mmCIF file of all heavy atoms, coordinates in Angstrom:
data_MODEL
# 
_entry.id   MODEL 
# 
loop_
_atom_site.group_PDB 
_atom_site.id 
_atom_site.type_symbol 
_atom_site.label_atom_id 
_atom_site.label_alt_id 
_atom_site.label_comp_id 
_atom_site.label_asym_id 
_atom_site.label_entity_id 
_atom_site.label_seq_id 
_atom_site.pdbx_PDB_ins_code 
_atom_site.Cartn_x 
_atom_site.Cartn_y 
_atom_site.Cartn_z 
_atom_site.occupancy 
_atom_site.B_iso_or_equiv 
_atom_site.pdbx_formal_charge 
_atom_site.auth_seq_id 
_atom_site.auth_comp_id 
_atom_site.auth_asym_id 
_atom_site.auth_atom_id 
_atom_site.pdbx_PDB_model_num 
ATOM 1   N N   . MET A 1 1  ? 102.858 -35.173 -30.225 1.00 0.00 ? 1  MET A N   1 
ATOM 2   C CA  . MET A 1 1  ? 102.960 -34.424 -28.977 1.00 0.00 ? 1  MET A CA  1 
ATOM 3   C C   . MET A 1 1  ? 103.184 -32.930 -29.253 1.00 0.00 ? 1  MET A C   1 
ATOM 4   O O   . MET A 1 1  ? 102.673 -32.070 -28.513 1.00 0.00 ? 1  MET A O   1 
ATOM 5   C CB  . MET A 1 1  ? 104.105 -34.983 -28.127 1.00 0.00 ? 1  MET A CB  1 
ATOM 6   C CG  . MET A 1 1  ? 103.850 -36.386 -27.592 1.00 0.00 ? 1  MET A CG  1 
ATOM 7   S SD  . MET A 1 1  ? 105.323 -37.173 -26.910 1.00 0.00 ? 1  MET A SD  1 
ATOM 8   C CE  . MET A 1 1  ? 105.702 -36.067 -25.563 1.00 0.00 ? 1  MET A CE  1 
ATOM 9   N N   . TYR A 1 2  ? 103.930 -32.615 -30.307 1.00 0.00 ? 2  TYR A N   1 
ATOM 10  C CA  . TYR A 1 2  ? 104.189 -31.209 -30.629 1.00 0.00 ? 2  TYR A CA  1 
ATOM 11  C C   . TYR A 1 2  ? 103.000 -30.573 -31.334 1.00 0.00 ? 2  TYR A C   1 
ATOM 12  O O   . TYR A 1 2  ? 102.561 -29.483 -30.973 1.00 0.00 ? 2  TYR A O   1 
ATOM 13  C CB  . TYR A 1 2  ? 105.435 -31.112 -31.503 1.00 0.00 ? 2  TYR A CB  1 
ATOM 14  C CG  . TYR A 1 2  ? 105.683 -29.724 -32.046 1.00 0.00 ? 2  TYR A CG  1 
ATOM 15  C CD1 . TYR A 1 2  ? 106.225 -28.723 -31.233 1.00 0.00 ? 2  TYR A CD1 1 
ATOM 16  C CD2 . TYR A 1 2  ? 105.358 -29.409 -33.365 1.00 0.00 ? 2  TYR A CD2 1 
ATOM 17  C CE1 . TYR A 1 2  ? 106.433 -27.446 -31.733 1.00 0.00 ? 2  TYR A CE1 1 
ATOM 18  C CE2 . TYR A 1 2  ? 105.558 -28.137 -33.875 1.00 0.00 ? 2  TYR A CE2 1 
ATOM 19  C CZ  . TYR A 1 2  ? 106.092 -27.151 -33.044 1.00 0.00 ? 2  TYR A CZ  1 
ATOM 20  O OH  . TYR A 1 2  ? 106.291 -25.893 -33.545 1.00 0.00 ? 2  TYR A OH  1 
ATOM 21  N N   . ARG A 1 3  ? 102.463 -31.259 -32.336 1.00 0.00 ? 3  ARG A N   1 
ATOM 22  C CA  . ARG A 1 3  ? 101.408 -30.669 -33.166 1.00 0.00 ? 3  ARG A CA  1 
ATOM 23  C C   . ARG A 1 3  ? 100.074 -30.585 -32.451 1.00 0.00 ? 3  ARG A C   1 
ATOM 24  O O   . ARG A 1 3  ? 99.320  -29.620 -32.632 1.00 0.00 ? 3  ARG A O   1 
ATOM 25  C CB  . ARG A 1 3  ? 101.266 -31.501 -34.440 1.00 0.00 ? 3  ARG A CB  1 
ATOM 26  C CG  . ARG A 1 3  ? 100.102 -31.100 -35.354 1.00 0.00 ? 3  ARG A CG  1 
ATOM 27  C CD  . ARG A 1 3  ? 100.293 -29.685 -35.908 1.00 0.00 ? 3  ARG A CD  1 
ATOM 28  N NE  . ARG A 1 3  ? 99.191  -29.304 -36.749 1.00 0.00 ? 3  ARG A NE  1 
ATOM 29  C CZ  . ARG A 1 3  ? 98.006  -28.859 -36.322 1.00 0.00 ? 3  ARG A CZ  1 
ATOM 30  N NH1 . ARG A 1 3  ? 97.773  -28.744 -35.010 1.00 0.00 ? 3  ARG A NH1 1 
ATOM 31  N NH2 . ARG A 1 3  ? 97.047  -28.517 -37.160 1.00 0.00 ? 3  ARG A NH2 1 
ATOM 32  N N   . TYR A 1 4  ? 99.793  -31.580 -31.611 1.00 0.00 ? 4  TYR A N   1 
ATOM 33  C CA  . TYR A 1 4  ? 98.468  -31.639 -31.012 1.00 0.00 ? 4  TYR A CA  1 
ATOM 34  C C   . TYR A 1 4  ? 98.482  -31.373 -29.504 1.00 0.00 ? 4  TYR A C   1 
ATOM 35  O O   . TYR A 1 4  ? 97.562  -31.770 -28.795 1.00 0.00 ? 4  TYR A O   1 
ATOM 36  C CB  . TYR A 1 4  ? 97.832  -32.999 -31.295 1.00 0.00 ? 4  TYR A CB  1 
ATOM 37  C CG  . TYR A 1 4  ? 97.605  -33.224 -32.776 1.00 0.00 ? 4  TYR A CG  1 
ATOM 38  C CD1 . TYR A 1 4  ? 98.428  -34.084 -33.489 1.00 0.00 ? 4  TYR A CD1 1 
ATOM 39  C CD2 . TYR A 1 4  ? 96.586  -32.552 -33.455 1.00 0.00 ? 4  TYR A CD2 1 
ATOM 40  C CE1 . TYR A 1 4  ? 98.238  -34.284 -34.847 1.00 0.00 ? 4  TYR A CE1 1 
ATOM 41  C CE2 . TYR A 1 4  ? 96.400  -32.741 -34.816 1.00 0.00 ? 4  TYR A CE2 1 
ATOM 42  C CZ  . TYR A 1 4  ? 97.230  -33.610 -35.513 1.00 0.00 ? 4  TYR A CZ  1 
ATOM 43  O OH  . TYR A 1 4  ? 97.031  -33.786 -36.852 1.00 0.00 ? 4  TYR A OH  1 
ATOM 44  N N   . ARG A 1 5  ? 99.500  -30.691 -29.037 1.00 0.00 ? 5  ARG A N   1 
ATOM 45  C CA  . ARG A 1 5  ? 99.490  -30.308 -27.632 1.00 0.00 ? 5  ARG A CA  1 
ATOM 46  C C   . ARG A 1 5  ? 98.429  -29.227 -27.413 1.00 0.00 ? 5  ARG A C   1 
ATOM 47  O O   . ARG A 1 5  ? 97.980  -28.559 -28.358 1.00 0.00 ? 5  ARG A O   1 
ATOM 48  C CB  . ARG A 1 5  ? 100.860 -29.836 -27.198 1.00 0.00 ? 5  ARG A CB  1 
ATOM 49  C CG  . ARG A 1 5  ? 101.313 -28.512 -27.777 1.00 0.00 ? 5  ARG A CG  1 
ATOM 50  C CD  . ARG A 1 5  ? 102.772 -28.249 -27.409 1.00 0.00 ? 5  ARG A CD  1 
ATOM 51  N NE  . ARG A 1 5  ? 103.185 -26.895 -27.723 1.00 0.00 ? 5  ARG A NE  1 
ATOM 52  C CZ  . ARG A 1 5  ? 103.586 -26.487 -28.913 1.00 0.00 ? 5  ARG A CZ  1 
ATOM 53  N NH1 . ARG A 1 5  ? 103.618 -27.342 -29.928 1.00 0.00 ? 5  ARG A NH1 1 
ATOM 54  N NH2 . ARG A 1 5  ? 103.956 -25.229 -29.105 1.00 0.00 ? 5  ARG A NH2 1 
ATOM 55  N N   . GLU A 1 6  ? 98.055  -29.064 -26.174 1.00 0.00 ? 6  GLU A N   1 
ATOM 56  C CA  . GLU A 1 6  ? 96.925  -28.180 -25.869 1.00 0.00 ? 6  GLU A CA  1 
ATOM 57  C C   . GLU A 1 6  ? 97.175  -26.750 -26.314 1.00 0.00 ? 6  GLU A C   1 
ATOM 58  O O   . GLU A 1 6  ? 96.256  -26.053 -26.786 1.00 0.00 ? 6  GLU A O   1 
ATOM 59  C CB  . GLU A 1 6  ? 96.634  -28.225 -24.363 1.00 0.00 ? 6  GLU A CB  1 
ATOM 60  C CG  . GLU A 1 6  ? 95.403  -27.424 -23.966 1.00 0.00 ? 6  GLU A CG  1 
ATOM 61  C CD  . GLU A 1 6  ? 95.112  -27.502 -22.484 1.00 0.00 ? 6  GLU A CD  1 
ATOM 62  O OE1 . GLU A 1 6  ? 95.956  -28.092 -21.773 1.00 0.00 ? 6  GLU A OE1 1 
ATOM 63  O OE2 . GLU A 1 6  ? 94.081  -27.003 -22.043 1.00 0.00 ? 6  GLU A OE2 1 
ATOM 64  N N   . ALA A 1 7  ? 98.417  -26.274 -26.220 1.00 0.00 ? 7  ALA A N   1 
ATOM 65  C CA  . ALA A 1 7  ? 98.705  -24.884 -26.586 1.00 0.00 ? 7  ALA A CA  1 
ATOM 66  C C   . ALA A 1 7  ? 98.461  -24.624 -28.068 1.00 0.00 ? 7  ALA A C   1 
ATOM 67  O O   . ALA A 1 7  ? 98.024  -23.532 -28.455 1.00 0.00 ? 7  ALA A O   1 
ATOM 68  C CB  . ALA A 1 7  ? 100.152 -24.545 -26.215 1.00 0.00 ? 7  ALA A CB  1 
ATOM 69  N N   . ARG A 1 8  ? 98.746  -25.582 -28.924 1.00 0.00 ? 8  ARG A N   1 
ATOM 70  C CA  . ARG A 1 8  ? 98.575  -25.390 -30.373 1.00 0.00 ? 8  ARG A CA  1 
ATOM 71  C C   . ARG A 1 8  ? 97.236  -25.902 -30.871 1.00 0.00 ? 8  ARG A C   1 
ATOM 72  O O   . ARG A 1 8  ? 96.803  -25.560 -31.959 1.00 0.00 ? 8  ARG A O   1 
ATOM 73  C CB  . ARG A 1 8  ? 99.693  -26.119 -31.134 1.00 0.00 ? 8  ARG A CB  1 
ATOM 74  C CG  . ARG A 1 8  ? 101.052 -25.448 -31.026 1.00 0.00 ? 8  ARG A CG  1 
ATOM 75  C CD  . ARG A 1 8  ? 102.074 -26.213 -31.844 1.00 0.00 ? 8  ARG A CD  1 
ATOM 76  N NE  . ARG A 1 8  ? 101.680 -26.359 -33.243 1.00 0.00 ? 8  ARG A NE  1 
ATOM 77  C CZ  . ARG A 1 8  ? 101.970 -25.478 -34.212 1.00 0.00 ? 8  ARG A CZ  1 
ATOM 78  N NH1 . ARG A 1 8  ? 102.669 -24.384 -33.911 1.00 0.00 ? 8  ARG A NH1 1 
ATOM 79  N NH2 . ARG A 1 8  ? 101.575 -25.673 -35.441 1.00 0.00 ? 8  ARG A NH2 1 
ATOM 80  N N   . ASN A 1 9  ? 96.597  -26.768 -30.091 1.00 0.00 ? 9  ASN A N   1 
ATOM 81  C CA  . ASN A 1 9  ? 95.352  -27.377 -30.564 1.00 0.00 ? 9  ASN A CA  1 
ATOM 82  C C   . ASN A 1 9  ? 94.331  -27.391 -29.421 1.00 0.00 ? 9  ASN A C   1 
ATOM 83  O O   . ASN A 1 9  ? 93.998  -28.449 -28.886 1.00 0.00 ? 9  ASN A O   1 
ATOM 84  C CB  . ASN A 1 9  ? 95.651  -28.801 -31.043 1.00 0.00 ? 9  ASN A CB  1 
ATOM 85  C CG  . ASN A 1 9  ? 94.515  -29.392 -31.854 1.00 0.00 ? 9  ASN A CG  1 
ATOM 86  O OD1 . ASN A 1 9  ? 94.015  -28.781 -32.794 1.00 0.00 ? 9  ASN A OD1 1 
ATOM 87  N ND2 . ASN A 1 9  ? 94.090  -30.590 -31.481 1.00 0.00 ? 9  ASN A ND2 1 
ATOM 88  N N   . PRO A 1 10 ? 93.865  -26.236 -29.028 1.00 0.00 ? 10 PRO A N   1 
ATOM 89  C CA  . PRO A 1 10 ? 92.955  -26.173 -27.871 1.00 0.00 ? 10 PRO A CA  1 
ATOM 90  C C   . PRO A 1 10 ? 91.630  -26.882 -28.114 1.00 0.00 ? 10 PRO A C   1 
ATOM 91  O O   . PRO A 1 10 ? 90.999  -27.348 -27.172 1.00 0.00 ? 10 PRO A O   1 
ATOM 92  C CB  . PRO A 1 10 ? 92.757  -24.665 -27.655 1.00 0.00 ? 10 PRO A CB  1 
ATOM 93  C CG  . PRO A 1 10 ? 93.069  -24.051 -28.986 1.00 0.00 ? 10 PRO A CG  1 
ATOM 94  C CD  . PRO A 1 10 ? 94.116  -24.907 -29.605 1.00 0.00 ? 10 PRO A CD  1 
ATOM 95  N N   . THR A 1 11 ? 91.203  -26.969 -29.383 1.00 0.00 ? 11 THR A N   1 
ATOM 96  C CA  . THR A 1 11 ? 89.952  -27.656 -29.697 1.00 0.00 ? 11 THR A CA  1 
ATOM 97  C C   . THR A 1 11 ? 90.267  -28.946 -30.434 1.00 0.00 ? 11 THR A C   1 
ATOM 98  O O   . THR A 1 11 ? 90.570  -28.941 -31.636 1.00 0.00 ? 11 THR A O   1 
ATOM 99  C CB  . THR A 1 11 ? 89.041  -26.775 -30.572 1.00 0.00 ? 11 THR A CB  1 
ATOM 100 O OG1 . THR A 1 11 ? 88.840  -25.508 -29.931 1.00 0.00 ? 11 THR A OG1 1 
ATOM 101 C CG2 . THR A 1 11 ? 87.707  -27.465 -30.818 1.00 0.00 ? 11 THR A CG2 1 
ATOM 102 N N   . PRO A 1 12 ? 90.265  -30.088 -29.727 1.00 0.00 ? 12 PRO A N   1 
ATOM 103 C CA  . PRO A 1 12 ? 90.655  -31.346 -30.371 1.00 0.00 ? 12 PRO A CA  1 
ATOM 104 C C   . PRO A 1 12 ? 89.639  -31.792 -31.400 1.00 0.00 ? 12 PRO A C   1 
ATOM 105 O O   . PRO A 1 12 ? 88.444  -31.486 -31.304 1.00 0.00 ? 12 PRO A O   1 
ATOM 106 C CB  . PRO A 1 12 ? 90.728  -32.331 -29.201 1.00 0.00 ? 12 PRO A CB  1 
ATOM 107 C CG  . PRO A 1 12 ? 89.817  -31.765 -28.175 1.00 0.00 ? 12 PRO A CG  1 
ATOM 108 C CD  . PRO A 1 12 ? 89.907  -30.273 -28.309 1.00 0.00 ? 12 PRO A CD  1 
ATOM 109 N N   . SER A 1 13 ? 90.141  -32.536 -32.391 1.00 0.00 ? 13 SER A N   1 
ATOM 110 C CA  . SER A 1 13 ? 89.276  -33.073 -33.438 1.00 0.00 ? 13 SER A CA  1 
ATOM 111 C C   . SER A 1 13 ? 88.424  -34.205 -32.878 1.00 0.00 ? 13 SER A C   1 
ATOM 112 O O   . SER A 1 13 ? 88.846  -34.952 -31.982 1.00 0.00 ? 13 SER A O   1 
ATOM 113 C CB  . SER A 1 13 ? 90.127  -33.601 -34.594 1.00 0.00 ? 13 SER A CB  1 
ATOM 114 O OG  . SER A 1 13 ? 89.308  -34.303 -35.514 1.00 0.00 ? 13 SER A OG  1 
ATOM 115 N N   . ARG A 1 14 ? 87.210  -34.328 -33.398 1.00 0.00 ? 14 ARG A N   1 
ATOM 116 C CA  . ARG A 1 14 ? 86.310  -35.394 -32.991 1.00 0.00 ? 14 ARG A CA  1 
ATOM 117 C C   . ARG A 1 14 ? 86.269  -36.520 -34.028 1.00 0.00 ? 14 ARG A C   1 
ATOM 118 O O   . ARG A 1 14 ? 85.377  -37.370 -33.994 1.00 0.00 ? 14 ARG A O   1 
ATOM 119 C CB  . ARG A 1 14 ? 84.906  -34.838 -32.764 1.00 0.00 ? 14 ARG A CB  1 
ATOM 120 C CG  . ARG A 1 14 ? 84.845  -33.849 -31.601 1.00 0.00 ? 14 ARG A CG  1 
ATOM 121 C CD  . ARG A 1 14 ? 83.425  -33.348 -31.377 1.00 0.00 ? 14 ARG A CD  1 
ATOM 122 N NE  . ARG A 1 14 ? 83.371  -32.447 -30.231 1.00 0.00 ? 14 ARG A NE  1 
ATOM 123 C CZ  . ARG A 1 14 ? 83.206  -32.837 -28.975 1.00 0.00 ? 14 ARG A CZ  1 
ATOM 124 N NH1 . ARG A 1 14 ? 83.098  -34.127 -28.712 1.00 0.00 ? 14 ARG A NH1 1 
ATOM 125 N NH2 . ARG A 1 14 ? 83.147  -31.963 -28.004 1.00 0.00 ? 14 ARG A NH2 1 
ATOM 126 N N   . THR A 1 15 ? 87.258  -36.560 -34.922 1.00 0.00 ? 15 THR A N   1 
ATOM 127 C CA  . THR A 1 15 ? 87.292  -37.599 -35.949 1.00 0.00 ? 15 THR A CA  1 
ATOM 128 C C   . THR A 1 15 ? 87.544  -38.957 -35.293 1.00 0.00 ? 15 THR A C   1 
ATOM 129 O O   . THR A 1 15 ? 88.486  -39.112 -34.511 1.00 0.00 ? 15 THR A O   1 
ATOM 130 C CB  . THR A 1 15 ? 88.408  -37.311 -36.970 1.00 0.00 ? 15 THR A CB  1 
ATOM 131 O OG1 . THR A 1 15 ? 88.175  -36.019 -37.545 1.00 0.00 ? 15 THR A OG1 1 
ATOM 132 C CG2 . THR A 1 15 ? 88.427  -38.379 -38.064 1.00 0.00 ? 15 THR A CG2 1 
ATOM 133 N N   . SER A 1 16 ? 86.710  -39.927 -35.584 1.00 0.00 ? 16 SER A N   1 
ATOM 134 C CA  . SER A 1 16 ? 86.839  -41.254 -34.984 1.00 0.00 ? 16 SER A CA  1 
ATOM 135 C C   . SER A 1 16 ? 87.260  -42.317 -35.993 1.00 0.00 ? 16 SER A C   1 
ATOM 136 O O   . SER A 1 16 ? 87.697  -43.398 -35.589 1.00 0.00 ? 16 SER A O   1 
ATOM 137 C CB  . SER A 1 16 ? 85.518  -41.670 -34.323 1.00 0.00 ? 16 SER A CB  1 
ATOM 138 O OG  . SER A 1 16 ? 84.476  -41.689 -35.286 1.00 0.00 ? 16 SER A OG  1 
ATOM 139 N N   . HIS A 1 17 ? 87.119  -42.056 -37.270 1.00 0.00 ? 17 HIS A N   1 
ATOM 140 C CA  . HIS A 1 17 ? 87.491  -43.025 -38.296 1.00 0.00 ? 17 HIS A CA  1 
ATOM 141 C C   . HIS A 1 17 ? 88.163  -42.300 -39.452 1.00 0.00 ? 17 HIS A C   1 
ATOM 142 O O   . HIS A 1 17 ? 87.817  -41.170 -39.791 1.00 0.00 ? 17 HIS A O   1 
ATOM 143 C CB  . HIS A 1 17 ? 86.254  -43.778 -38.826 1.00 0.00 ? 17 HIS A CB  1 
ATOM 144 C CG  . HIS A 1 17 ? 85.565  -44.612 -37.790 1.00 0.00 ? 17 HIS A CG  1 
ATOM 145 N ND1 . HIS A 1 17 ? 86.035  -45.830 -37.366 1.00 0.00 ? 17 HIS A ND1 1 
ATOM 146 C CD2 . HIS A 1 17 ? 84.426  -44.372 -37.072 1.00 0.00 ? 17 HIS A CD2 1 
ATOM 147 C CE1 . HIS A 1 17 ? 85.220  -46.323 -36.455 1.00 0.00 ? 17 HIS A CE1 1 
ATOM 148 N NE2 . HIS A 1 17 ? 84.239  -45.440 -36.240 1.00 0.00 ? 17 HIS A NE2 1 
ATOM 149 N N   . HIS A 1 18 ? 89.165  -42.989 -40.023 1.00 0.00 ? 18 HIS A N   1 
ATOM 150 C CA  . HIS A 1 18 ? 89.831  -42.465 -41.224 1.00 0.00 ? 18 HIS A CA  1 
ATOM 151 C C   . HIS A 1 18 ? 90.163  -43.680 -42.089 1.00 0.00 ? 18 HIS A C   1 
ATOM 152 O O   . HIS A 1 18 ? 91.067  -44.462 -41.756 1.00 0.00 ? 18 HIS A O   1 
ATOM 153 C CB  . HIS A 1 18 ? 91.078  -41.689 -40.849 1.00 0.00 ? 18 HIS A CB  1 
ATOM 154 C CG  . HIS A 1 18 ? 91.635  -40.890 -41.987 1.00 0.00 ? 18 HIS A CG  1 
ATOM 155 N ND1 . HIS A 1 18 ? 92.251  -41.458 -43.081 1.00 0.00 ? 18 HIS A ND1 1 
ATOM 156 C CD2 . HIS A 1 18 ? 91.641  -39.543 -42.210 1.00 0.00 ? 18 HIS A CD2 1 
ATOM 157 C CE1 . HIS A 1 18 ? 92.638  -40.520 -43.915 1.00 0.00 ? 18 HIS A CE1 1 
ATOM 158 N NE2 . HIS A 1 18 ? 92.274  -39.338 -43.407 1.00 0.00 ? 18 HIS A NE2 1 
ATOM 159 N N   . THR A 1 19 ? 89.461  -43.836 -43.178 1.00 0.00 ? 19 THR A N   1 
ATOM 160 C CA  . THR A 1 19 ? 89.552  -45.053 -43.989 1.00 0.00 ? 19 THR A CA  1 
ATOM 161 C C   . THR A 1 19 ? 90.974  -45.327 -44.460 1.00 0.00 ? 19 THR A C   1 
ATOM 162 O O   . THR A 1 19 ? 91.485  -46.455 -44.358 1.00 0.00 ? 19 THR A O   1 
ATOM 163 C CB  . THR A 1 19 ? 88.609  -44.954 -45.199 1.00 0.00 ? 19 THR A CB  1 
ATOM 164 O OG1 . THR A 1 19 ? 87.265  -44.727 -44.725 1.00 0.00 ? 19 THR A OG1 1 
ATOM 165 C CG2 . THR A 1 19 ? 88.653  -46.247 -46.018 1.00 0.00 ? 19 THR A CG2 1 
ATOM 166 N N   . VAL A 1 20 ? 91.643  -44.308 -44.962 1.00 0.00 ? 20 VAL A N   1 
ATOM 167 C CA  . VAL A 1 20 ? 92.994  -44.499 -45.498 1.00 0.00 ? 20 VAL A CA  1 
ATOM 168 C C   . VAL A 1 20 ? 93.941  -44.963 -44.400 1.00 0.00 ? 20 VAL A C   1 
ATOM 169 O O   . VAL A 1 20 ? 94.741  -45.902 -44.584 1.00 0.00 ? 20 VAL A O   1 
ATOM 170 C CB  . VAL A 1 20 ? 93.508  -43.205 -46.152 1.00 0.00 ? 20 VAL A CB  1 
ATOM 171 C CG1 . VAL A 1 20 ? 94.959  -43.371 -46.594 1.00 0.00 ? 20 VAL A CG1 1 
ATOM 172 C CG2 . VAL A 1 20 ? 92.637  -42.815 -47.333 1.00 0.00 ? 20 VAL A CG2 1 
ATOM 173 N N   . LEU A 1 21 ? 93.884  -44.309 -43.219 1.00 0.00 ? 21 LEU A N   1 
ATOM 174 C CA  . LEU A 1 21 ? 94.771  -44.693 -42.128 1.00 0.00 ? 21 LEU A CA  1 
ATOM 175 C C   . LEU A 1 21 ? 94.478  -46.111 -41.644 1.00 0.00 ? 21 LEU A C   1 
ATOM 176 O O   . LEU A 1 21 ? 95.398  -46.892 -41.363 1.00 0.00 ? 21 LEU A O   1 
ATOM 177 C CB  . LEU A 1 21 ? 94.617  -43.710 -40.969 1.00 0.00 ? 21 LEU A CB  1 
ATOM 178 C CG  . LEU A 1 21 ? 95.289  -42.345 -41.137 1.00 0.00 ? 21 LEU A CG  1 
ATOM 179 C CD1 . LEU A 1 21 ? 95.023  -41.468 -39.922 1.00 0.00 ? 21 LEU A CD1 1 
ATOM 180 C CD2 . LEU A 1 21 ? 96.779  -42.507 -41.348 1.00 0.00 ? 21 LEU A CD2 1 
ATOM 181 N N   . GLU A 1 22 ? 93.202  -46.458 -41.529 1.00 0.00 ? 22 GLU A N   1 
ATOM 182 C CA  . GLU A 1 22 ? 92.859  -47.780 -41.037 1.00 0.00 ? 22 GLU A CA  1 
ATOM 183 C C   . GLU A 1 22 ? 93.321  -48.869 -41.999 1.00 0.00 ? 22 GLU A C   1 
ATOM 184 O O   . GLU A 1 22 ? 93.791  -49.933 -41.578 1.00 0.00 ? 22 GLU A O   1 
ATOM 185 C CB  . GLU A 1 22 ? 91.346  -47.866 -40.803 1.00 0.00 ? 22 GLU A CB  1 
ATOM 186 C CG  . GLU A 1 22 ? 90.888  -47.014 -39.631 1.00 0.00 ? 22 GLU A CG  1 
ATOM 187 C CD  . GLU A 1 22 ? 89.402  -47.146 -39.374 1.00 0.00 ? 22 GLU A CD  1 
ATOM 188 O OE1 . GLU A 1 22 ? 88.737  -47.882 -40.142 1.00 0.00 ? 22 GLU A OE1 1 
ATOM 189 O OE2 . GLU A 1 22 ? 88.899  -46.540 -38.423 1.00 0.00 ? 22 GLU A OE2 1 
ATOM 190 N N   . VAL A 1 23 ? 93.205  -48.622 -43.309 1.00 0.00 ? 23 VAL A N   1 
ATOM 191 C CA  . VAL A 1 23 ? 93.705  -49.586 -44.291 1.00 0.00 ? 23 VAL A CA  1 
ATOM 192 C C   . VAL A 1 23 ? 95.229  -49.653 -44.219 1.00 0.00 ? 23 VAL A C   1 
ATOM 193 O O   . VAL A 1 23 ? 95.825  -50.744 -44.271 1.00 0.00 ? 23 VAL A O   1 
ATOM 194 C CB  . VAL A 1 23 ? 93.237  -49.205 -45.703 1.00 0.00 ? 23 VAL A CB  1 
ATOM 195 C CG1 . VAL A 1 23 ? 93.938  -50.079 -46.754 1.00 0.00 ? 23 VAL A CG1 1 
ATOM 196 C CG2 . VAL A 1 23 ? 91.732  -49.350 -45.832 1.00 0.00 ? 23 VAL A CG2 1 
ATOM 197 N N   . ALA A 1 24 ? 95.883  -48.489 -44.059 1.00 0.00 ? 24 ALA A N   1 
ATOM 198 C CA  . ALA A 1 24 ? 97.343  -48.447 -44.044 1.00 0.00 ? 24 ALA A CA  1 
ATOM 199 C C   . ALA A 1 24 ? 97.902  -49.206 -42.856 1.00 0.00 ? 24 ALA A C   1 
ATOM 200 O O   . ALA A 1 24 ? 98.843  -50.007 -42.995 1.00 0.00 ? 24 ALA A O   1 
ATOM 201 C CB  . ALA A 1 24 ? 97.823  -46.996 -44.026 1.00 0.00 ? 24 ALA A CB  1 
ATOM 202 N N   . TRP A 1 25 ? 97.349  -48.972 -41.651 1.00 0.00 ? 25 TRP A N   1 
ATOM 203 C CA  . TRP A 1 25 ? 97.938  -49.645 -40.489 1.00 0.00 ? 25 TRP A CA  1 
ATOM 204 C C   . TRP A 1 25 ? 97.506  -51.105 -40.369 1.00 0.00 ? 25 TRP A C   1 
ATOM 205 O O   . TRP A 1 25 ? 97.908  -51.809 -39.446 1.00 0.00 ? 25 TRP A O   1 
ATOM 206 C CB  . TRP A 1 25 ? 97.697  -48.872 -39.211 1.00 0.00 ? 25 TRP A CB  1 
ATOM 207 C CG  . TRP A 1 25 ? 96.290  -48.764 -38.684 1.00 0.00 ? 25 TRP A CG  1 
ATOM 208 C CD1 . TRP A 1 25 ? 95.369  -49.754 -38.516 1.00 0.00 ? 25 TRP A CD1 1 
ATOM 209 C CD2 . TRP A 1 25 ? 95.666  -47.573 -38.197 1.00 0.00 ? 25 TRP A CD2 1 
ATOM 210 N NE1 . TRP A 1 25 ? 94.219  -49.272 -37.980 1.00 0.00 ? 25 TRP A NE1 1 
ATOM 211 C CE2 . TRP A 1 25 ? 94.365  -47.929 -37.757 1.00 0.00 ? 25 TRP A CE2 1 
ATOM 212 C CE3 . TRP A 1 25 ? 96.078  -46.247 -38.079 1.00 0.00 ? 25 TRP A CE3 1 
ATOM 213 C CZ2 . TRP A 1 25 ? 93.473  -46.990 -37.231 1.00 0.00 ? 25 TRP A CZ2 1 
ATOM 214 C CZ3 . TRP A 1 25 ? 95.192  -45.327 -37.545 1.00 0.00 ? 25 TRP A CZ3 1 
ATOM 215 C CH2 . TRP A 1 25 ? 93.907  -45.704 -37.138 1.00 0.00 ? 25 TRP A CH2 1 
ATOM 216 N N   . THR A 1 26 ? 96.672  -51.554 -41.291 1.00 0.00 ? 26 THR A N   1 
ATOM 217 C CA  . THR A 1 26 ? 96.391  -52.987 -41.394 1.00 0.00 ? 26 THR A CA  1 
ATOM 218 C C   . THR A 1 26 ? 97.275  -53.649 -42.444 1.00 0.00 ? 26 THR A C   1 
ATOM 219 O O   . THR A 1 26 ? 97.829  -54.733 -42.217 1.00 0.00 ? 26 THR A O   1 
ATOM 220 C CB  . THR A 1 26 ? 94.910  -53.228 -41.738 1.00 0.00 ? 26 THR A CB  1 
ATOM 221 O OG1 . THR A 1 26 ? 94.089  -52.642 -40.728 1.00 0.00 ? 26 THR A OG1 1 
ATOM 222 C CG2 . THR A 1 26 ? 94.612  -54.719 -41.845 1.00 0.00 ? 26 THR A CG2 1 
ATOM 223 N N   . VAL A 1 27 ? 97.419  -53.000 -43.587 1.00 0.00 ? 27 VAL A N   1 
ATOM 224 C CA  . VAL A 1 27 ? 98.172  -53.577 -44.701 1.00 0.00 ? 27 VAL A CA  1 
ATOM 225 C C   . VAL A 1 27 ? 99.675  -53.545 -44.431 1.00 0.00 ? 27 VAL A C   1 
ATOM 226 O O   . VAL A 1 27 ? 100.384 -54.527 -44.687 1.00 0.00 ? 27 VAL A O   1 
ATOM 227 C CB  . VAL A 1 27 ? 97.839  -52.848 -46.015 1.00 0.00 ? 27 VAL A CB  1 
ATOM 228 C CG1 . VAL A 1 27 ? 98.750  -53.339 -47.148 1.00 0.00 ? 27 VAL A CG1 1 
ATOM 229 C CG2 . VAL A 1 27 ? 96.385  -53.078 -46.392 1.00 0.00 ? 27 VAL A CG2 1 
# 
């Protein structure tokens, strides 16, 4: 909420997949 609020991140990332994160939140 702090790092990616509109004031600090006006242009949001379009990343839809992250292999490391997806493996981590499964394992």
